Amino acid sequence: MRKINSEMAGMLIEILVKPGDAVTVGQNIAKIESMKMEIEVPSPLEGTVEEVVAEAGEFVNEGDTLIVLA
């Protein structure tokens, strides 16, 4: 089990993957709004999405888990 964590605090506005999706390194997996800017979150890992932990519309802090890969 490998976790993809948020690298910054902000409003999670969209999750771009769902359980069962294959993810590659550098693929955008989410969008966070921080300081009035929309920032895409690239995956630092590759694998298959096991669980989407965070939900769009919630505030995430730096280090919060967004997605778990199998």
PDB file of N, CA and C in Angstrom:
ATOM      1  N   MET A   1       0.855  -1.181   0.000  1.00  0.00           N
ATOM      2  CA  MET A   1       0.000   0.000   0.000  1.00  0.00           C
ATOM      3  C   MET A   1       0.898   1.240   0.000  1.00  0.00           C
ATOM      4  N   ARG A   2       0.669   2.106  -0.963  1.00  0.00           N
ATOM      5  CA  ARG A   2       1.422   3.357  -1.061  1.00  0.00           C
ATOM      6  C   ARG A   2       0.442   4.510  -1.105  1.00  0.00           C
ATOM      7  N   LYS A   3       0.773   5.574  -0.384  1.00  0.00           N
ATOM      8  CA  LYS A   3      -0.126   6.718  -0.278  1.00  0.00           C
ATOM      9  C   LYS A   3       0.402   7.892  -1.089  1.00  0.00           C
ATOM     10  N   ILE A   4      -0.515   8.623  -1.711  1.00  0.00           N
ATOM     11  CA  ILE A   4      -0.183   9.888  -2.355  1.00  0.00           C
ATOM     12  C   ILE A   4      -0.765  10.976  -1.464  1.00  0.00           C
ATOM     13  N   ASN A   5       0.118  11.826  -0.957  1.00  0.00           N
ATOM     14  CA  ASN A   5      -0.278  12.876  -0.017  1.00  0.00           C
ATOM     15  C   ASN A   5      -0.265  14.241  -0.692  1.00  0.00           C
ATOM     16  N   SER A   6      -1.040  15.143  -0.136  1.00  0.00           N
ATOM     17  CA  SER A   6      -1.067  16.518  -0.629  1.00  0.00           C
ATOM     18  C   SER A   6       0.241  17.207  -0.266  1.00  0.00           C
ATOM     19  N   GLU A   7       0.798  17.936  -1.210  1.00  0.00           N
ATOM     20  CA  GLU A   7       2.038  18.664  -0.957  1.00  0.00           C
ATOM     21  C   GLU A   7       1.770  20.095  -0.515  1.00  0.00           C
ATOM     22  N   MET A   8       0.491  20.472  -0.434  1.00  0.00           N
ATOM     23  CA  MET A   8       0.141  21.818   0.003  1.00  0.00           C
ATOM     24  C   MET A   8      -1.259  21.819   0.605  1.00  0.00           C
ATOM     25  N   ALA A   9      -1.547  22.868   1.343  1.00  0.00           N
ATOM     26  CA  ALA A   9      -2.873  23.038   1.915  1.00  0.00           C
ATOM     27  C   ALA A   9      -3.747  23.785   0.912  1.00  0.00           C
ATOM     28  N   GLY A  10      -5.020  23.431   0.880  1.00  0.00           N
ATOM     29  CA  GLY A  10      -5.953  24.120   0.000  1.00  0.00           C
ATOM     30  C   GLY A  10      -7.255  23.362  -0.129  1.00  0.00           C
ATOM     31  N   MET A  11      -8.156  23.901  -0.946  1.00  0.00           N
ATOM     32  CA  MET A  11      -9.454  23.278  -1.190  1.00  0.00           C
ATOM     33  C   MET A  11      -9.300  22.254  -2.313  1.00  0.00           C
ATOM     34  N   LEU A  12      -9.643  21.012  -2.033  1.00  0.00           N
ATOM     35  CA  LEU A  12      -9.596  19.964  -3.047  1.00  0.00           C
ATOM     36  C   LEU A  12     -10.804  20.165  -3.955  1.00  0.00           C
ATOM     37  N   ILE A  13     -10.573  20.549  -5.203  1.00  0.00           N
ATOM     38  CA  ILE A  13     -11.710  20.867  -6.067  1.00  0.00           C
ATOM     39  C   ILE A  13     -12.092  19.731  -7.005  1.00  0.00           C
ATOM     40  N   GLU A  14     -11.162  18.795  -7.239  1.00  0.00           N
ATOM     41  CA  GLU A  14     -11.507  17.679  -8.125  1.00  0.00           C
ATOM     42  C   GLU A  14     -10.523  16.532  -7.939  1.00  0.00           C
ATOM     43  N   ILE A  15     -11.055  15.301  -7.925  1.00  0.00           N
ATOM     44  CA  ILE A  15     -10.249  14.081  -7.954  1.00  0.00           C
ATOM     45  C   ILE A  15     -10.404  13.531  -9.368  1.00  0.00           C
ATOM     46  N   LEU A  16      -9.299  13.260 -10.027  1.00  0.00           N
ATOM     47  CA  LEU A  16      -9.330  12.877 -11.439  1.00  0.00           C
ATOM     48  C   LEU A  16      -9.241  11.369 -11.676  1.00  0.00           C
ATOM     49  N   VAL A  17      -9.144  10.587 -10.597  1.00  0.00           N
ATOM     50  CA  VAL A  17      -9.062   9.128 -10.727  1.00  0.00           C
ATOM     51  C   VAL A  17     -10.072   8.482  -9.797  1.00  0.00           C
ATOM     52  N   LYS A  18     -10.322   7.198 -10.046  1.00  0.00           N
ATOM     53  CA  LYS A  18     -11.256   6.443  -9.197  1.00  0.00           C
ATOM     54  C   LYS A  18     -10.664   5.062  -8.932  1.00  0.00           C
ATOM     55  N   PRO A  19     -11.179   4.343  -7.941  1.00  0.00           N
ATOM     56  CA  PRO A  19     -10.650   3.008  -7.648  1.00  0.00           C
ATOM     57  C   PRO A  19     -10.640   2.126  -8.896  1.00  0.00           C
ATOM     58  N   GLY A  20      -9.521   1.429  -9.072  1.00  0.00           N
ATOM     59  CA  GLY A  20      -9.352   0.547 -10.224  1.00  0.00           C
ATOM     60  C   GLY A  20      -8.577   1.178 -11.366  1.00  0.00           C
ATOM     61  N   ASP A  21      -8.453   2.512 -11.357  1.00  0.00           N
ATOM     62  CA  ASP A  21      -7.701   3.207 -12.416  1.00  0.00           C
ATOM     63  C   ASP A  21      -6.208   2.962 -12.259  1.00  0.00           C
ATOM     64  N   ALA A  22      -5.515   2.785 -13.396  1.00  0.00           N
ATOM     65  CA  ALA A  22      -4.053   2.712 -13.398  1.00  0.00           C
ATOM     66  C   ALA A  22      -3.520   4.141 -13.401  1.00  0.00           C
ATOM     67  N   VAL A  23      -2.496   4.388 -12.596  1.00  0.00           N
ATOM     68  CA  VAL A  23      -1.895   5.715 -12.479  1.00  0.00           C
ATOM     69  C   VAL A  23      -0.416   5.601 -12.838  1.00  0.00           C
ATOM     70  N   THR A  24       0.068   6.555 -13.631  1.00  0.00           N
ATOM     71  CA  THR A  24       1.488   6.593 -13.986  1.00  0.00           C
ATOM     72  C   THR A  24       2.148   7.789 -13.308  1.00  0.00           C
ATOM     73  N   VAL A  25       3.469   7.737 -13.204  1.00  0.00           N
ATOM     74  CA  VAL A  25       4.219   8.836 -12.611  1.00  0.00           C
ATOM     75  C   VAL A  25       4.004  10.092 -13.454  1.00  0.00           C
ATOM     76  N   GLY A  26       3.661  11.190 -12.800  1.00  0.00           N
ATOM     77  CA  GLY A  26       3.439  12.458 -13.486  1.00  0.00           C
ATOM     78  C   GLY A  26       2.008  12.694 -13.937  1.00  0.00           C
ATOM     79  N   GLN A  27       1.175  11.659 -13.877  1.00  0.00           N
ATOM     80  CA  GLN A  27      -0.234  11.814 -14.267  1.00  0.00           C
ATOM     81  C   GLN A  27      -0.951  12.682 -13.240  1.00  0.00           C
ATOM     82  N   ASN A  28      -1.747  13.627 -13.697  1.00  0.00           N
ATOM     83  CA  ASN A  28      -2.516  14.467 -12.778  1.00  0.00           C
ATOM     84  C   ASN A  28      -3.628  13.643 -12.143  1.00  0.00           C
ATOM     85  N   ILE A  29      -3.666  13.689 -10.808  1.00  0.00           N
ATOM     86  CA  ILE A  29      -4.649  12.878 -10.083  1.00  0.00           C
ATOM     87  C   ILE A  29      -5.699  13.711  -9.360  1.00  0.00           C
ATOM     88  N   ALA A  30      -5.403  15.006  -9.180  1.00  0.00           N
ATOM     89  CA  ALA A  30      -6.331  15.875  -8.451  1.00  0.00           C
ATOM     90  C   ALA A  30      -6.027  17.328  -8.770  1.00  0.00           C
ATOM     91  N   LYS A  31      -6.964  18.202  -8.366  1.00  0.00           N
ATOM     92  CA  LYS A  31      -6.770  19.643  -8.487  1.00  0.00           C
ATOM     93  C   LYS A  31      -7.075  20.271  -7.132  1.00  0.00           C
ATOM     94  N   ILE A  32      -6.165  21.164  -6.712  1.00  0.00           N
ATOM     95  CA  ILE A  32      -6.317  21.866  -5.445  1.00  0.00           C
ATOM     96  C   ILE A  32      -6.307  23.355  -5.726  1.00  0.00           C
ATOM     97  N   GLU A  33      -7.197  24.088  -5.056  1.00  0.00           N
ATOM     98  CA  GLU A  33      -7.188  25.540  -5.151  1.00  0.00           C
ATOM     99  C   GLU A  33      -6.488  26.089  -3.909  1.00  0.00           C
ATOM    100  N   SER A  34      -5.426  26.839  -4.170  1.00  0.00           N
ATOM    101  CA  SER A  34      -4.657  27.420  -3.075  1.00  0.00           C
ATOM    102  C   SER A  34      -4.239  28.827  -3.470  1.00  0.00           C
ATOM    103  N   MET A  35      -4.477  29.784  -2.607  1.00  0.00           N
ATOM    104  CA  MET A  35      -4.138  31.178  -2.864  1.00  0.00           C
ATOM    105  C   MET A  35      -4.722  31.670  -4.191  1.00  0.00           C
ATOM    106  N   LYS A  36      -5.984  31.302  -4.425  1.00  0.00           N
ATOM    107  CA  LYS A  36      -6.744  31.695  -5.615  1.00  0.00           C
ATOM    108  C   LYS A  36      -6.165  31.156  -6.921  1.00  0.00           C
ATOM    109  N   MET A  37      -5.310  30.129  -6.823  1.00  0.00           N
ATOM    110  CA  MET A  37      -4.762  29.476  -8.014  1.00  0.00           C
ATOM    111  C   MET A  37      -5.184  28.015  -8.018  1.00  0.00           C
ATOM    112  N   GLU A  38      -5.487  27.483  -9.208  1.00  0.00           N
ATOM    113  CA  GLU A  38      -5.824  26.079  -9.352  1.00  0.00           C
ATOM    114  C   GLU A  38      -4.540  25.324  -9.701  1.00  0.00           C
ATOM    115  N   ILE A  39      -4.191  24.360  -8.867  1.00  0.00           N
ATOM    116  CA  ILE A  39      -2.937  23.638  -9.019  1.00  0.00           C
ATOM    117  C   ILE A  39      -3.227  22.159  -9.239  1.00  0.00           C
ATOM    118  N   GLU A  40      -2.662  21.599 -10.309  1.00  0.00           N
ATOM    119  CA  GLU A  40      -2.831  20.174 -10.582  1.00  0.00           C
ATOM    120  C   GLU A  40      -1.826  19.392  -9.743  1.00  0.00           C
ATOM    121  N   VAL A  41      -2.264  18.253  -9.244  1.00  0.00           N
ATOM    122  CA  VAL A  41      -1.425  17.413  -8.395  1.00  0.00           C
ATOM    123  C   VAL A  41      -0.985  16.198  -9.203  1.00  0.00           C
ATOM    124  N   PRO A  42       0.308  16.108  -9.554  1.00  0.00           N
ATOM    125  CA  PRO A  42       0.798  14.949 -10.299  1.00  0.00           C
ATOM    126  C   PRO A  42       1.146  13.806  -9.344  1.00  0.00           C
ATOM    127  N   SER A  43       1.002  12.592  -9.829  1.00  0.00           N
ATOM    128  CA  SER A  43       1.338  11.430  -9.015  1.00  0.00           C
ATOM    129  C   SER A  43       2.849  11.208  -9.005  1.00  0.00           C
ATOM    130  N   PRO A  44       3.430  11.033  -7.797  1.00  0.00           N
ATOM    131  CA  PRO A  44       4.854  10.722  -7.717  1.00  0.00           C
ATOM    132  C   PRO A  44       5.118   9.222  -7.850  1.00  0.00           C
ATOM    133  N   LEU A  45       4.036   8.438  -7.896  1.00  0.00           N
ATOM    134  CA  LEU A  45       4.135   6.974  -7.932  1.00  0.00           C
ATOM    135  C   LEU A  45       3.310   6.409  -9.078  1.00  0.00           C
ATOM    136  N   GLU A  46       3.538   5.133  -9.375  1.00  0.00           N
ATOM    137  CA  GLU A  46       2.650   4.470 -10.321  1.00  0.00           C
ATOM    138  C   GLU A  46       2.048   3.257  -9.644  1.00  0.00           C
ATOM    139  N   GLY A  47       0.859   2.892 -10.088  1.00  0.00           N
ATOM    140  CA  GLY A  47       0.154   1.768  -9.495  1.00  0.00           C
ATOM    141  C   GLY A  47      -1.323   1.842  -9.839  1.00  0.00           C
ATOM    142  N   THR A  48      -2.126   1.079  -9.122  1.00  0.00           N
ATOM    143  CA  THR A  48      -3.562   1.042  -9.326  1.00  0.00           C
ATOM    144  C   THR A  48      -4.244   1.669  -8.113  1.00  0.00           C
ATOM    145  N   VAL A  49      -5.209   2.544  -8.377  1.00  0.00           N
ATOM    146  CA  VAL A  49      -5.913   3.223  -7.285  1.00  0.00           C
ATOM    147  C   VAL A  49      -6.710   2.189  -6.494  1.00  0.00           C
ATOM    148  N   GLU A  50      -6.389   2.079  -5.208  1.00  0.00           N
ATOM    149  CA  GLU A  50      -7.104   1.174  -4.319  1.00  0.00           C
ATOM    150  C   GLU A  50      -8.234   1.907  -3.607  1.00  0.00           C
ATOM    151  N   GLU A  51      -7.941   3.161  -3.182  1.00  0.00           N
ATOM    152  CA  GLU A  51      -8.929   3.937  -2.431  1.00  0.00           C
ATOM    153  C   GLU A  51      -8.704   5.425  -2.650  1.00  0.00           C
ATOM    154  N   VAL A  52      -9.797   6.153  -2.814  1.00  0.00           N
ATOM    155  CA  VAL A  52      -9.741   7.613  -2.842  1.00  0.00           C
ATOM    156  C   VAL A  52     -10.168   8.072  -1.456  1.00  0.00           C
ATOM    157  N   VAL A  53      -9.226   8.635  -0.702  1.00  0.00           N
ATOM    158  CA  VAL A  53      -9.456   8.980   0.700  1.00  0.00           C
ATOM    159  C   VAL A  53     -10.137  10.336   0.838  1.00  0.00           C
ATOM    160  N   ALA A  54      -9.635  11.320   0.112  1.00  0.00           N
ATOM    161  CA  ALA A  54     -10.166  12.688   0.213  1.00  0.00           C
ATOM    162  C   ALA A  54     -11.342  12.875  -0.746  1.00  0.00           C
ATOM    163  N   GLU A  55     -12.177  13.842  -0.448  1.00  0.00           N
ATOM    164  CA  GLU A  55     -13.336  14.136  -1.286  1.00  0.00           C
ATOM    165  C   GLU A  55     -13.261  15.558  -1.811  1.00  0.00           C
ATOM    166  N   ALA A  56     -13.708  15.733  -3.037  1.00  0.00           N
ATOM    167  CA  ALA A  56     -13.775  17.072  -3.621  1.00  0.00           C
ATOM    168  C   ALA A  56     -14.660  17.953  -2.736  1.00  0.00           C
ATOM    169  N   GLY A  57     -14.230  19.195  -2.552  1.00  0.00           N
ATOM    170  CA  GLY A  57     -14.988  20.130  -1.732  1.00  0.00           C
ATOM    171  C   GLY A  57     -14.485  20.253  -0.310  1.00  0.00           C
ATOM    172  N   GLU A  58     -13.538  19.398   0.091  1.00  0.00           N
ATOM    173  CA  GLU A  58     -13.014  19.508   1.443  1.00  0.00           C
ATOM    174  C   GLU A  58     -11.640  20.160   1.441  1.00  0.00           C
ATOM    175  N   PHE A  59     -11.295  20.750   2.567  1.00  0.00           N
ATOM    176  CA  PHE A  59      -9.993  21.384   2.728  1.00  0.00           C
ATOM    177  C   PHE A  59      -8.990  20.311   3.114  1.00  0.00           C
ATOM    178  N   VAL A  60      -7.831  20.306   2.458  1.00  0.00           N
ATOM    179  CA  VAL A  60      -6.772  19.366   2.806  1.00  0.00           C
ATOM    180  C   VAL A  60      -5.546  20.148   3.271  1.00  0.00           C
ATOM    181  N   ASN A  61      -4.835  19.568   4.203  1.00  0.00           N
ATOM    182  CA  ASN A  61      -3.599  20.152   4.704  1.00  0.00           C
ATOM    183  C   ASN A  61      -2.414  19.467   4.045  1.00  0.00           C
ATOM    184  N   GLU A  62      -1.268  20.105   4.083  1.00  0.00           N
ATOM    185  CA  GLU A  62      -0.048  19.504   3.565  1.00  0.00           C
ATOM    186  C   GLU A  62       0.182  18.188   4.315  1.00  0.00           C
ATOM    187  N   GLY A  63       0.410  17.110   3.566  1.00  0.00           N
ATOM    188  CA  GLY A  63       0.651  15.803   4.178  1.00  0.00           C
ATOM    189  C   GLY A  63      -0.577  14.920   4.292  1.00  0.00           C
ATOM    190  N   ASP A  64      -1.778  15.479   4.082  1.00  0.00           N
ATOM    191  CA  ASP A  64      -2.992  14.658   4.140  1.00  0.00           C
ATOM    192  C   ASP A  64      -2.993  13.666   2.965  1.00  0.00           C
ATOM    193  N   THR A  65      -3.442  12.444   3.237  1.00  0.00           N
ATOM    194  CA  THR A  65      -3.521  11.420   2.202  1.00  0.00           C
ATOM    195  C   THR A  65      -4.696  11.706   1.276  1.00  0.00           C
ATOM    196  N   LEU A  66      -4.423  11.695  -0.028  1.00  0.00           N
ATOM    197  CA  LEU A  66      -5.467  11.889  -1.037  1.00  0.00           C
ATOM    198  C   LEU A  66      -5.918  10.549  -1.607  1.00  0.00           C
ATOM    199  N   ILE A  67      -4.947   9.725  -1.964  1.00  0.00           N
ATOM    200  CA  ILE A  67      -5.228   8.468  -2.688  1.00  0.00           C
ATOM    201  C   ILE A  67      -4.296   7.384  -2.180  1.00  0.00           C
ATOM    202  N   VAL A  68      -4.800   6.148  -2.136  1.00  0.00           N
ATOM    203  CA  VAL A  68      -3.986   4.993  -1.774  1.00  0.00           C
ATOM    204  C   VAL A  68      -3.864   4.108  -3.012  1.00  0.00           C
ATOM    205  N   LEU A  69      -2.624   3.739  -3.344  1.00  0.00           N
ATOM    206  CA  LEU A  69      -2.363   2.854  -4.481  1.00  0.00           C
ATOM    207  C   LEU A  69      -2.074   1.456  -3.993  1.00  0.00           C
ATOM    208  N   ALA A  70      -2.482   0.466  -4.783  1.00  0.00           N
ATOM    209  CA  ALA A  70      -2.211  -0.931  -4.469  1.00  0.00           C
ATOM    210  C   ALA A  70      -0.834  -1.298  -5.006  1.00  0.00           C
TER     211      ALA A  70
END
